[in-house]
Amino acid sequence: MADRLTVDRRDFLRLAGLGGVVFASSLGPWGHALAAAGEDFSFVQMSDTHWGFEGPKYNPEAKTTLRRAVTAVNALPHQPDFIVFTGDLTHTTNDDAERRRRLEEFKAIAGELTVKDVKFIPGEHDAGLDAGAVYRSVFGNPTFSFEHKGVHFVTIDNVSDPTGAIGDTQLQWLQADLAKLAKDQPIVVFTHRPLFDLYPQWDWATKDGAKALAILTPFENVTVFYGHIHQQHHQMTGRIAHHSAESLIFPQPAPGSQPKRAPIPWDPAHPYRGLGFRTSEDKSGVLSITEKDIA
């Protein structure tokens, strides 16, 4: 099943979270110049796979869901330039050896993606119990930046600190990384938790996220993609657009919609409802955004 939405490029920023795949030529006023130069590109955001999760009530097919997602992305008619997993690659465990095993298994399965430029950041399930020690040994530094066809991409680790903070060291790195950029430089940020206070009672916030937003605010074209909340959510903080991704294991309820946070139970009549990824396709200046499930 797929829901398709077609929008003009100038409307893309407002609707970017419905995609999960971003065309560079659609990320602001600078995009038209990129489009004229043939510089359109796309990426896929996948999130919250929770490899190692067991819970028939919430996903009786947890052992195969990640592989289904890989197969679905590999079947896309137009492959993205790169893929980003935005955290909770694995499900939490107190056993360091088991955490390593799950991370390595996850990495091997992700290695079956046709697109080989795959980037990873951790979630609290991967890194919160050991300050990211095992994660770093498998995937390397979770904080990095890179350029792609005129866009500056940044990752922010807001999970390795057990308090849910980014931390002064990383904030200083972010400040220095962006210092060389012009204020109209397009910037895309990947992180796991939301940088704004979405619903702190459910840990849907970043302790010092406001400091990161203060560093990003002077820039005119900033979009943040995050995971963690297992559903689509779209928020503006000033001129910064924030878009969350659905999970690839189980959906979560809307913020504050029930007394306690708990996964939404599996519906046998509608398997994989609320799970998936998004793709986008640009043809003749029209952007088609499609939400796909992983069945």
C-alpha atoms as a PDB file:
ATOM      1  CA  MET A   1       0.000   0.000   0.000  1.00  0.00           C
ATOM      2  CA  ALA A   2       1.286   3.461  -0.799  1.00  0.00           C
ATOM      3  CA  ASP A   3      -0.006   6.978  -0.312  1.00  0.00           C
ATOM      4  CA  ARG A   4       1.228   9.406  -2.952  1.00  0.00           C
ATOM      5  CA  LEU A   5       1.414  13.144  -2.707  1.00  0.00           C
ATOM      6  CA  THR A   6       2.575  15.377  -5.534  1.00  0.00           C
ATOM      7  CA  VAL A   7       3.790  18.864  -4.696  1.00  0.00           C
ATOM      8  CA  ASP A   8       5.542  21.717  -6.399  1.00  0.00           C
ATOM      9  CA  ARG A   9       9.122  22.229  -5.307  1.00  0.00           C
ATOM     10  CA  ARG A  10       8.357  25.479  -3.517  1.00  0.00           C
ATOM     11  CA  ASP A  11       6.019  23.571  -1.183  1.00  0.00           C
ATOM     12  CA  PHE A  12       8.513  20.854  -0.339  1.00  0.00           C
ATOM     13  CA  LEU A  13       9.964  22.286   2.857  1.00  0.00           C
ATOM     14  CA  ARG A  14       6.488  22.485   4.344  1.00  0.00           C
ATOM     15  CA  LEU A  15       5.820  18.858   3.472  1.00  0.00           C
ATOM     16  CA  ALA A  16       9.286  17.313   3.679  1.00  0.00           C
ATOM     17  CA  GLY A  17       8.408  15.111   6.642  1.00  0.00           C
ATOM     18  CA  LEU A  18       5.847  13.296   4.517  1.00  0.00           C
ATOM     19  CA  GLY A  19       8.706  12.036   2.399  1.00  0.00           C
ATOM     20  CA  GLY A  20      11.682  10.774   4.386  1.00  0.00           C
ATOM     21  CA  VAL A  21      13.551  11.151   1.114  1.00  0.00           C
ATOM     22  CA  VAL A  22      14.783  14.620   0.257  1.00  0.00           C
ATOM     23  CA  PHE A  23      15.644  16.130  -3.105  1.00  0.00           C
ATOM     24  CA  ALA A  24      18.381  18.734  -2.741  1.00  0.00           C
ATOM     25  CA  SER A  25      16.748  20.926  -5.348  1.00  0.00           C
ATOM     26  CA  SER A  26      13.691  21.134  -3.127  1.00  0.00           C
ATOM     27  CA  LEU A  27      15.295  22.287   0.119  1.00  0.00           C
ATOM     28  CA  GLY A  28      14.974  26.034  -0.210  1.00  0.00           C
ATOM     29  CA  PRO A  29      15.575  28.931  -2.597  1.00  0.00           C
ATOM     30  CA  TRP A  30      19.078  27.686  -3.448  1.00  0.00           C
ATOM     31  CA  GLY A  31      17.484  24.514  -4.810  1.00  0.00           C
ATOM     32  CA  HIS A  32      16.498  26.009  -8.139  1.00  0.00           C
ATOM     33  CA  ALA A  33      20.143  26.630  -9.037  1.00  0.00           C
ATOM     34  CA  LEU A  34      20.974  23.022  -8.194  1.00  0.00           C
ATOM     35  CA  ALA A  35      18.064  21.815 -10.307  1.00  0.00           C
ATOM     36  CA  ALA A  36      19.227  23.894 -13.260  1.00  0.00           C
ATOM     37  CA  ALA A  37      22.645  22.262 -12.965  1.00  0.00           C
ATOM     38  CA  GLY A  38      21.101  18.798 -12.855  1.00  0.00           C
ATOM     39  CA  GLU A  39      22.026  18.364  -9.202  1.00  0.00           C
ATOM     40  CA  ASP A  40      18.825  16.766  -7.889  1.00  0.00           C
ATOM     41  CA  PHE A  41      19.466  13.951  -5.481  1.00  0.00           C
ATOM     42  CA  SER A  42      17.660  11.860  -2.912  1.00  0.00           C
ATOM     43  CA  PHE A  43      18.356  10.063   0.320  1.00  0.00           C
ATOM     44  CA  VAL A  44      16.389   7.587   2.401  1.00  0.00           C
ATOM     45  CA  GLN A  45      15.917   7.893   6.149  1.00  0.00           C
ATOM     46  CA  MET A  46      15.265   4.648   8.012  1.00  0.00           C
ATOM     47  CA  SER A  47      14.867   4.601  11.766  1.00  0.00           C
ATOM     48  CA  ASP A  48      14.226   2.627  14.934  1.00  0.00           C
ATOM     49  CA  THR A  49      14.730  -0.919  13.682  1.00  0.00           C
ATOM     50  CA  HIS A  50      15.272  -2.269  17.242  1.00  0.00           C
ATOM     51  CA  TRP A  51      17.049  -5.411  16.034  1.00  0.00           C
ATOM     52  CA  GLY A  52      16.787  -7.979  18.863  1.00  0.00           C
ATOM     53  CA  PHE A  53      13.331  -6.863  20.001  1.00  0.00           C
ATOM     54  CA  GLU A  54      10.976  -9.658  20.980  1.00  0.00           C
ATOM     55  CA  GLY A  55       7.318  -9.011  21.710  1.00  0.00           C
ATOM     56  CA  PRO A  56       4.603 -10.878  19.796  1.00  0.00           C
ATOM     57  CA  LYS A  57       1.975  -8.456  21.065  1.00  0.00           C
ATOM     58  CA  TYR A  58       3.685  -5.601  19.246  1.00  0.00           C
ATOM     59  CA  ASN A  59       5.437  -7.320  16.327  1.00  0.00           C
ATOM     60  CA  PRO A  60       5.280 -11.113  15.978  1.00  0.00           C
ATOM     61  CA  GLU A  61       7.489 -10.824  12.878  1.00  0.00           C
ATOM     62  CA  ALA A  62      10.295  -8.857  14.534  1.00  0.00           C
ATOM     63  CA  LYS A  63      12.939 -11.310  13.324  1.00  0.00           C
ATOM     64  CA  THR A  64      12.140 -10.604   9.672  1.00  0.00           C
ATOM     65  CA  THR A  65      10.933  -6.987   9.628  1.00  0.00           C
ATOM     66  CA  LEU A  66      14.372  -5.440   9.117  1.00  0.00           C
ATOM     67  CA  ARG A  67      15.122  -7.745   6.203  1.00  0.00           C
ATOM     68  CA  ARG A  68      11.738  -6.878   4.676  1.00  0.00           C
ATOM     69  CA  ALA A  69      12.652  -3.197   4.915  1.00  0.00           C
ATOM     70  CA  VAL A  70      16.011  -3.810   3.216  1.00  0.00           C
ATOM     71  CA  THR A  71      14.285  -5.754   0.444  1.00  0.00           C
ATOM     72  CA  ALA A  72      11.722  -2.975  -0.023  1.00  0.00           C
ATOM     73  CA  VAL A  73      14.379  -0.261  -0.304  1.00  0.00           C
ATOM     74  CA  ASN A  74      16.419  -2.400  -2.710  1.00  0.00           C
ATOM     75  CA  ALA A  75      13.316  -2.714  -4.878  1.00  0.00           C
ATOM     76  CA  LEU A  76      12.896   1.054  -5.310  1.00  0.00           C
ATOM     77  CA  PRO A  77      12.883   1.873  -9.023  1.00  0.00           C
ATOM     78  CA  HIS A  78      15.177   4.848  -8.432  1.00  0.00           C
ATOM     79  CA  GLN A  79      17.880   4.182  -5.868  1.00  0.00           C
ATOM     80  CA  PRO A  80      18.811   7.035  -3.501  1.00  0.00           C
ATOM     81  CA  ASP A  81      22.263   8.575  -3.344  1.00  0.00           C
ATOM     82  CA  PHE A  82      22.654   7.451   0.258  1.00  0.00           C
ATOM     83  CA  ILE A  83      20.743   6.018   3.211  1.00  0.00           C
ATOM     84  CA  VAL A  84      20.763   7.165   6.838  1.00  0.00           C
ATOM     85  CA  PHE A  85      19.635   5.133   9.844  1.00  0.00           C
ATOM     86  CA  THR A  86      18.673   7.551  12.629  1.00  0.00           C
ATOM     87  CA  GLY A  87      19.181   5.430  15.719  1.00  0.00           C
ATOM     88  CA  ASP A  88      17.847   2.578  17.815  1.00  0.00           C
ATOM     89  CA  LEU A  89      19.441   0.187  15.390  1.00  0.00           C
ATOM     90  CA  THR A  90      19.126  -2.464  18.097  1.00  0.00           C
ATOM     91  CA  HIS A  91      16.922  -3.097  21.108  1.00  0.00           C
ATOM     92  CA  THR A  92      18.352  -2.378  24.533  1.00  0.00           C
ATOM     93  CA  THR A  93      20.229  -5.007  26.528  1.00  0.00           C
ATOM     94  CA  ASN A  94      22.282  -4.813  29.721  1.00  0.00           C
ATOM     95  CA  ASP A  95      24.765  -7.367  28.355  1.00  0.00           C
ATOM     96  CA  ASP A  96      27.646  -5.678  26.501  1.00  0.00           C
ATOM     97  CA  ALA A  97      28.459  -8.862  24.576  1.00  0.00           C
ATOM     98  CA  GLU A  98      24.840  -9.199  23.461  1.00  0.00           C
ATOM     99  CA  ARG A  99      24.763  -5.519  22.488  1.00  0.00           C
ATOM    100  CA  ARG A 100      27.821  -6.055  20.308  1.00  0.00           C
ATOM    101  CA  ARG A 101      26.286  -9.169  18.742  1.00  0.00           C
ATOM    102  CA  ARG A 102      23.086  -7.318  17.885  1.00  0.00           C
ATOM    103  CA  LEU A 103      24.937  -4.332  16.447  1.00  0.00           C
ATOM    104  CA  GLU A 104      27.118  -6.567  14.294  1.00  0.00           C
ATOM    105  CA  GLU A 105      24.098  -8.564  13.100  1.00  0.00           C
ATOM    106  CA  PHE A 106      22.287  -5.346  12.267  1.00  0.00           C
ATOM    107  CA  LYS A 107      25.325  -4.048  10.372  1.00  0.00           C
ATOM    108  CA  ALA A 108      25.502  -7.261   8.342  1.00  0.00           C
ATOM    109  CA  ILE A 109      21.822  -7.050   7.385  1.00  0.00           C
ATOM    110  CA  ALA A 110      22.149  -3.353   6.472  1.00  0.00           C
ATOM    111  CA  GLY A 111      25.116  -4.408   4.340  1.00  0.00           C
ATOM    112  CA  GLU A 112      22.632  -6.178   2.050  1.00  0.00           C
ATOM    113  CA  LEU A 113      21.328  -2.790   0.870  1.00  0.00           C
ATOM    114  CA  THR A 114      22.053  -2.153  -2.792  1.00  0.00           C
ATOM    115  CA  VAL A 115      23.111   1.392  -2.007  1.00  0.00           C
ATOM    116  CA  LYS A 116      26.468   1.095  -0.277  1.00  0.00           C
ATOM    117  CA  ASP A 117      26.729   4.659   1.022  1.00  0.00           C
ATOM    118  CA  VAL A 118      24.914   3.961   4.294  1.00  0.00           C
ATOM    119  CA  LYS A 119      25.382   6.156   7.352  1.00  0.00           C
ATOM    120  CA  PHE A 120      24.450   5.404  10.947  1.00  0.00           C
ATOM    121  CA  ILE A 121      23.832   7.262  14.189  1.00  0.00           C
ATOM    122  CA  PRO A 122      22.908   5.605  17.512  1.00  0.00           C
ATOM    123  CA  GLY A 123      19.757   5.675  19.574  1.00  0.00           C
ATOM    124  CA  GLU A 124      19.581   5.366  23.334  1.00  0.00           C
ATOM    125  CA  HIS A 125      18.944   1.626  22.976  1.00  0.00           C
ATOM    126  CA  ASP A 126      22.314   1.322  21.228  1.00  0.00           C
ATOM    127  CA  ALA A 127      24.406   3.684  23.324  1.00  0.00           C
ATOM    128  CA  GLY A 128      22.675   4.878  26.483  1.00  0.00           C
ATOM    129  CA  LEU A 129      23.916   2.200  28.883  1.00  0.00           C
ATOM    130  CA  ASP A 130      27.652   2.317  28.070  1.00  0.00           C
ATOM    131  CA  ALA A 131      28.083   5.904  26.796  1.00  0.00           C
ATOM    132  CA  GLY A 132      28.252   4.510  23.272  1.00  0.00           C
ATOM    133  CA  ALA A 133      31.400   2.421  23.831  1.00  0.00           C
ATOM    134  CA  VAL A 134      30.268  -0.703  21.978  1.00  0.00           C
ATOM    135  CA  TYR A 135      28.498   1.320  19.285  1.00  0.00           C
ATOM    136  CA  ARG A 136      31.689   3.274  18.564  1.00  0.00           C
ATOM    137  CA  SER A 137      33.729   0.100  18.305  1.00  0.00           C
ATOM    138  CA  VAL A 138      31.351  -1.220  15.618  1.00  0.00           C
ATOM    139  CA  PHE A 139      30.331   1.956  13.742  1.00  0.00           C
ATOM    140  CA  GLY A 140      32.864   4.623  14.710  1.00  0.00           C
ATOM    141  CA  ASN A 141      32.273   8.211  15.768  1.00  0.00           C
ATOM    142  CA  PRO A 142      28.540   9.062  15.745  1.00  0.00           C
ATOM    143  CA  THR A 143      29.234  12.792  15.308  1.00  0.00           C
ATOM    144  CA  PHE A 144      30.329  13.844  11.843  1.00  0.00           C
ATOM    145  CA  SER A 145      29.508  16.083   8.908  1.00  0.00           C
ATOM    146  CA  PHE A 146      29.738  15.718   5.151  1.00  0.00           C
ATOM    147  CA  GLU A 147      28.938  17.578   1.946  1.00  0.00           C
ATOM    148  CA  HIS A 148      26.765  16.281  -0.874  1.00  0.00           C
ATOM    149  CA  LYS A 149      25.934  18.276  -3.987  1.00  0.00           C
ATOM    150  CA  GLY A 150      25.898  21.628  -2.263  1.00  0.00           C
ATOM    151  CA  VAL A 151      24.209  20.565   0.974  1.00  0.00           C
ATOM    152  CA  HIS A 152      25.991  20.397   4.349  1.00  0.00           C
ATOM    153  CA  PHE A 153      24.901  17.405   6.438  1.00  0.00           C
ATOM    154  CA  VAL A 154      25.505  17.125  10.183  1.00  0.00           C
ATOM    155  CA  THR A 155      24.868  14.353  12.709  1.00  0.00           C
ATOM    156  CA  ILE A 156      24.249  15.068  16.382  1.00  0.00           C
ATOM    157  CA  ASP A 157      24.561  12.388  19.079  1.00  0.00           C
ATOM    158  CA  ASN A 158      21.960  13.069  21.781  1.00  0.00           C
ATOM    159  CA  VAL A 159      21.837   9.546  23.223  1.00  0.00           C
ATOM    160  CA  SER A 160      25.313   8.470  24.395  1.00  0.00           C
ATOM    161  CA  ASP A 161      25.059  10.808  27.374  1.00  0.00           C
ATOM    162  CA  PRO A 162      22.777   8.913  29.805  1.00  0.00           C
ATOM    163  CA  THR A 163      21.093  12.194  30.792  1.00  0.00           C
ATOM    164  CA  GLY A 164      19.911  12.702  27.210  1.00  0.00           C
ATOM    165  CA  ALA A 165      22.171  15.685  26.585  1.00  0.00           C
ATOM    166  CA  ILE A 166      24.338  16.597  23.621  1.00  0.00           C
ATOM    167  CA  GLY A 167      27.089  17.911  25.877  1.00  0.00           C
ATOM    168  CA  ASP A 168      29.378  20.932  25.705  1.00  0.00           C
ATOM    169  CA  THR A 169      32.143  19.163  23.749  1.00  0.00           C
ATOM    170  CA  GLN A 170      29.825  18.217  20.924  1.00  0.00           C
ATOM    171  CA  LEU A 171      28.115  21.610  20.928  1.00  0.00           C
ATOM    172  CA  GLN A 172      31.524  23.260  20.556  1.00  0.00           C
ATOM    173  CA  TRP A 173      32.268  20.918  17.661  1.00  0.00           C
ATOM    174  CA  LEU A 174      28.952  21.858  16.022  1.00  0.00           C
ATOM    175  CA  GLN A 175      29.701  25.565  16.417  1.00  0.00           C
ATOM    176  CA  ALA A 176      33.132  25.132  14.844  1.00  0.00           C
ATOM    177  CA  ASP A 177      31.822  22.897  12.045  1.00  0.00           C
ATOM    178  CA  LEU A 178      29.225  25.463  10.986  1.00  0.00           C
ATOM    179  CA  ALA A 179      31.460  28.505  11.453  1.00  0.00           C
ATOM    180  CA  LYS A 180      32.909  28.145   7.952  1.00  0.00           C
ATOM    181  CA  LEU A 181      29.484  28.183   6.282  1.00  0.00           C
ATOM    182  CA  ALA A 182      27.587  31.109   4.793  1.00  0.00           C
ATOM    183  CA  LYS A 183      24.310  31.896   6.513  1.00  0.00           C
ATOM    184  CA  ASP A 184      22.311  30.836   3.442  1.00  0.00           C
ATOM    185  CA  GLN A 185      24.098  27.476   3.227  1.00  0.00           C
ATOM    186  CA  PRO A 186      21.555  24.624   3.158  1.00  0.00           C
ATOM    187  CA  ILE A 187      22.009  22.396   6.211  1.00  0.00           C
ATOM    188  CA  VAL A 188      20.391  19.046   7.005  1.00  0.00           C
ATOM    189  CA  VAL A 189      20.738  17.650  10.531  1.00  0.00           C
ATOM    190  CA  PHE A 190      20.274  14.014  11.517  1.00  0.00           C
ATOM    191  CA  THR A 191      19.702  13.119  15.150  1.00  0.00           C
ATOM    192  CA  HIS A 192      17.797  10.526  17.157  1.00  0.00           C
ATOM    193  CA  ARG A 193      15.808  12.405  19.780  1.00  0.00           C
ATOM    194  CA  PRO A 194      13.970  15.596  18.825  1.00  0.00           C
ATOM    195  CA  LEU A 195      16.032  18.704  19.519  1.00  0.00           C
ATOM    196  CA  PHE A 196      12.958  20.570  20.787  1.00  0.00           C
ATOM    197  CA  ASP A 197      10.726  19.680  23.748  1.00  0.00           C
ATOM    198  CA  LEU A 198       8.104  17.562  22.027  1.00  0.00           C
ATOM    199  CA  TYR A 199       6.971  15.663  25.141  1.00  0.00           C
ATOM    200  CA  PRO A 200       9.672  15.506  27.836  1.00  0.00           C
ATOM    201  CA  GLN A 201       7.488  13.323  30.082  1.00  0.00           C
ATOM    202  CA  TRP A 202       8.068  10.505  27.593  1.00  0.00           C
ATOM    203  CA  ASP A 203      11.744  11.325  26.982  1.00  0.00           C
ATOM    204  CA  TRP A 204      10.789  12.972  23.694  1.00  0.00           C
ATOM    205  CA  ALA A 205      13.209  15.865  24.061  1.00  0.00           C
ATOM    206  CA  THR A 206      16.924  16.653  24.311  1.00  0.00           C
ATOM    207  CA  LYS A 207      18.167  18.066  27.605  1.00  0.00           C
ATOM    208  CA  ASP A 208      20.277  20.789  25.972  1.00  0.00           C
ATOM    209  CA  GLY A 209      18.619  20.749  22.574  1.00  0.00           C
ATOM    210  CA  ALA A 210      17.876  24.473  22.848  1.00  0.00           C
ATOM    211  CA  LYS A 211      21.631  25.142  22.735  1.00  0.00           C
ATOM    212  CA  ALA A 212      21.956  23.236  19.468  1.00  0.00           C
ATOM    213  CA  LEU A 213      18.980  25.118  18.020  1.00  0.00           C
ATOM    214  CA  ALA A 214      20.590  28.414  19.047  1.00  0.00           C
ATOM    215  CA  ILE A 215      23.677  27.454  17.026  1.00  0.00           C
ATOM    216  CA  LEU A 216      21.532  26.477  14.031  1.00  0.00           C
ATOM    217  CA  THR A 217      19.079  29.394  14.155  1.00  0.00           C
ATOM    218  CA  PRO A 218      21.294  31.991  12.396  1.00  0.00           C
ATOM    219  CA  PHE A 219      21.245  29.829   9.259  1.00  0.00           C
ATOM    220  CA  GLU A 220      18.424  30.366   6.780  1.00  0.00           C
ATOM    221  CA  ASN A 221      17.920  26.838   5.432  1.00  0.00           C
ATOM    222  CA  VAL A 222      17.978  24.171   8.165  1.00  0.00           C
ATOM    223  CA  THR A 223      15.997  20.930   8.218  1.00  0.00           C
ATOM    224  CA  VAL A 224      16.234  18.353  11.034  1.00  0.00           C
ATOM    225  CA  PHE A 225      15.348  14.692  10.542  1.00  0.00           C
ATOM    226  CA  TYR A 226      15.018  12.531  13.649  1.00  0.00           C
ATOM    227  CA  GLY A 227      13.546   9.246  14.877  1.00  0.00           C
ATOM    228  CA  HIS A 228      12.823   8.013  18.421  1.00  0.00           C
ATOM    229  CA  ILE A 229       9.066   8.669  18.531  1.00  0.00           C
ATOM    230  CA  HIS A 230       8.083   5.966  15.996  1.00  0.00           C
ATOM    231  CA  GLN A 231       5.650   8.140  14.033  1.00  0.00           C
ATOM    232  CA  GLN A 232       5.463  11.119  11.712  1.00  0.00           C
ATOM    233  CA  HIS A 233       5.556  14.502  13.407  1.00  0.00           C
ATOM    234  CA  HIS A 234       6.257  17.916  11.899  1.00  0.00           C
ATOM    235  CA  GLN A 235       7.296  20.985  13.877  1.00  0.00           C
ATOM    236  CA  MET A 236       8.772  24.408  13.221  1.00  0.00           C
ATOM    237  CA  THR A 237      11.044  26.148  15.713  1.00  0.00           C
ATOM    238  CA  GLY A 238      11.477  29.574  14.188  1.00  0.00           C
ATOM    239  CA  ARG A 239      12.523  28.830  10.616  1.00  0.00           C
ATOM    240  CA  ILE A 240      13.955  25.372  11.397  1.00  0.00           C
ATOM    241  CA  ALA A 241      11.776  22.491  10.177  1.00  0.00           C
ATOM    242  CA  HIS A 242      11.782  19.236  12.192  1.00  0.00           C
ATOM    243  CA  HIS A 243      10.452  15.961  10.776  1.00  0.00           C
ATOM    244  CA  SER A 244      10.330  12.583  12.499  1.00  0.00           C
ATOM    245  CA  ALA A 245      10.328   9.178  10.836  1.00  0.00           C
ATOM    246  CA  GLU A 246       8.157   6.150  11.385  1.00  0.00           C
ATOM    247  CA  SER A 247       9.743   3.121  13.025  1.00  0.00           C
ATOM    248  CA  LEU A 248      10.589  -0.163  11.337  1.00  0.00           C
ATOM    249  CA  ILE A 249       9.471  -2.281  14.325  1.00  0.00           C
ATOM    250  CA  PHE A 250       6.356  -0.842  16.051  1.00  0.00           C
ATOM    251  CA  PRO A 251       4.492   2.495  16.165  1.00  0.00           C
ATOM    252  CA  GLN A 252       4.092   4.661  19.266  1.00  0.00           C
ATOM    253  CA  PRO A 253       1.016   6.695  20.306  1.00  0.00           C
ATOM    254  CA  ALA A 254       0.701  10.405  19.682  1.00  0.00           C
ATOM    255  CA  PRO A 255       2.462  12.587  22.275  1.00  0.00           C
ATOM    256  CA  GLY A 256       0.456  12.675  25.520  1.00  0.00           C
ATOM    257  CA  SER A 257      -2.486  10.809  24.019  1.00  0.00           C
ATOM    258  CA  GLN A 258      -2.505   8.248  26.842  1.00  0.00           C
ATOM    259  CA  PRO A 259      -1.260   8.179  30.452  1.00  0.00           C
ATOM    260  CA  LYS A 260       1.846   6.097  29.732  1.00  0.00           C
ATOM    261  CA  ARG A 261       3.935   5.590  26.641  1.00  0.00           C
ATOM    262  CA  ALA A 262       3.543   2.074  25.239  1.00  0.00           C
ATOM    263  CA  PRO A 263       3.858   0.608  21.740  1.00  0.00           C
ATOM    264  CA  ILE A 264       0.682   0.282  19.697  1.00  0.00           C
ATOM    265  CA  PRO A 265      -0.250  -3.423  19.534  1.00  0.00           C
ATOM    266  CA  TRP A 266       0.144  -5.361  16.306  1.00  0.00           C
ATOM    267  CA  ASP A 267      -3.017  -5.507  14.215  1.00  0.00           C
ATOM    268  CA  PRO A 268      -3.183  -8.861  12.363  1.00  0.00           C
ATOM    269  CA  ALA A 269      -5.781  -7.413  10.010  1.00  0.00           C
ATOM    270  CA  HIS A 270      -3.358  -4.633   9.029  1.00  0.00           C
ATOM    271  CA  PRO A 271       0.189  -5.948   9.518  1.00  0.00           C
ATOM    272  CA  TYR A 272       2.952  -3.352   9.264  1.00  0.00           C
ATOM    273  CA  ARG A 273       0.501  -0.482   9.684  1.00  0.00           C
ATOM    274  CA  GLY A 274       2.463   2.550  10.841  1.00  0.00           C
ATOM    275  CA  LEU A 275       5.795   1.009   9.822  1.00  0.00           C
ATOM    276  CA  GLY A 276       7.734   2.079   6.786  1.00  0.00           C
ATOM    277  CA  PHE A 277       9.896   4.544   4.922  1.00  0.00           C
ATOM    278  CA  ARG A 278       9.299   7.235   2.351  1.00  0.00           C
ATOM    279  CA  THR A 279      10.526   7.837  -1.181  1.00  0.00           C
ATOM    280  CA  SER A 280      10.418  10.845  -3.446  1.00  0.00           C
ATOM    281  CA  GLU A 281      10.740  11.230  -7.204  1.00  0.00           C
ATOM    282  CA  ASP A 282      11.296  14.396  -9.181  1.00  0.00           C
ATOM    283  CA  LYS A 283      10.032  14.468 -12.783  1.00  0.00           C
ATOM    284  CA  SER A 284       9.931  17.638 -14.855  1.00  0.00           C
ATOM    285  CA  GLY A 285      10.093  19.868 -11.787  1.00  0.00           C
ATOM    286  CA  VAL A 286       7.285  18.067  -9.935  1.00  0.00           C
ATOM    287  CA  LEU A 287       8.112  16.210  -6.739  1.00  0.00           C
ATOM    288  CA  SER A 288       6.122  13.048  -5.977  1.00  0.00           C
ATOM    289  CA  ILE A 289       6.321  11.929  -2.352  1.00  0.00           C
ATOM    290  CA  THR A 290       5.240   8.387  -1.608  1.00  0.00           C
ATOM    291  CA  GLU A 291       4.814   6.694   1.751  1.00  0.00           C
ATOM    292  CA  LYS A 292       5.580   2.997   1.470  1.00  0.00           C
ATOM    293  CA  ASP A 293       5.056   0.186   3.939  1.00  0.00           C
ATOM    294  CA  ILE A 294       7.520  -2.688   4.226  1.00  0.00           C
ATOM    295  CA  ALA A 295       5.227  -5.614   3.421  1.00  0.00           C
END
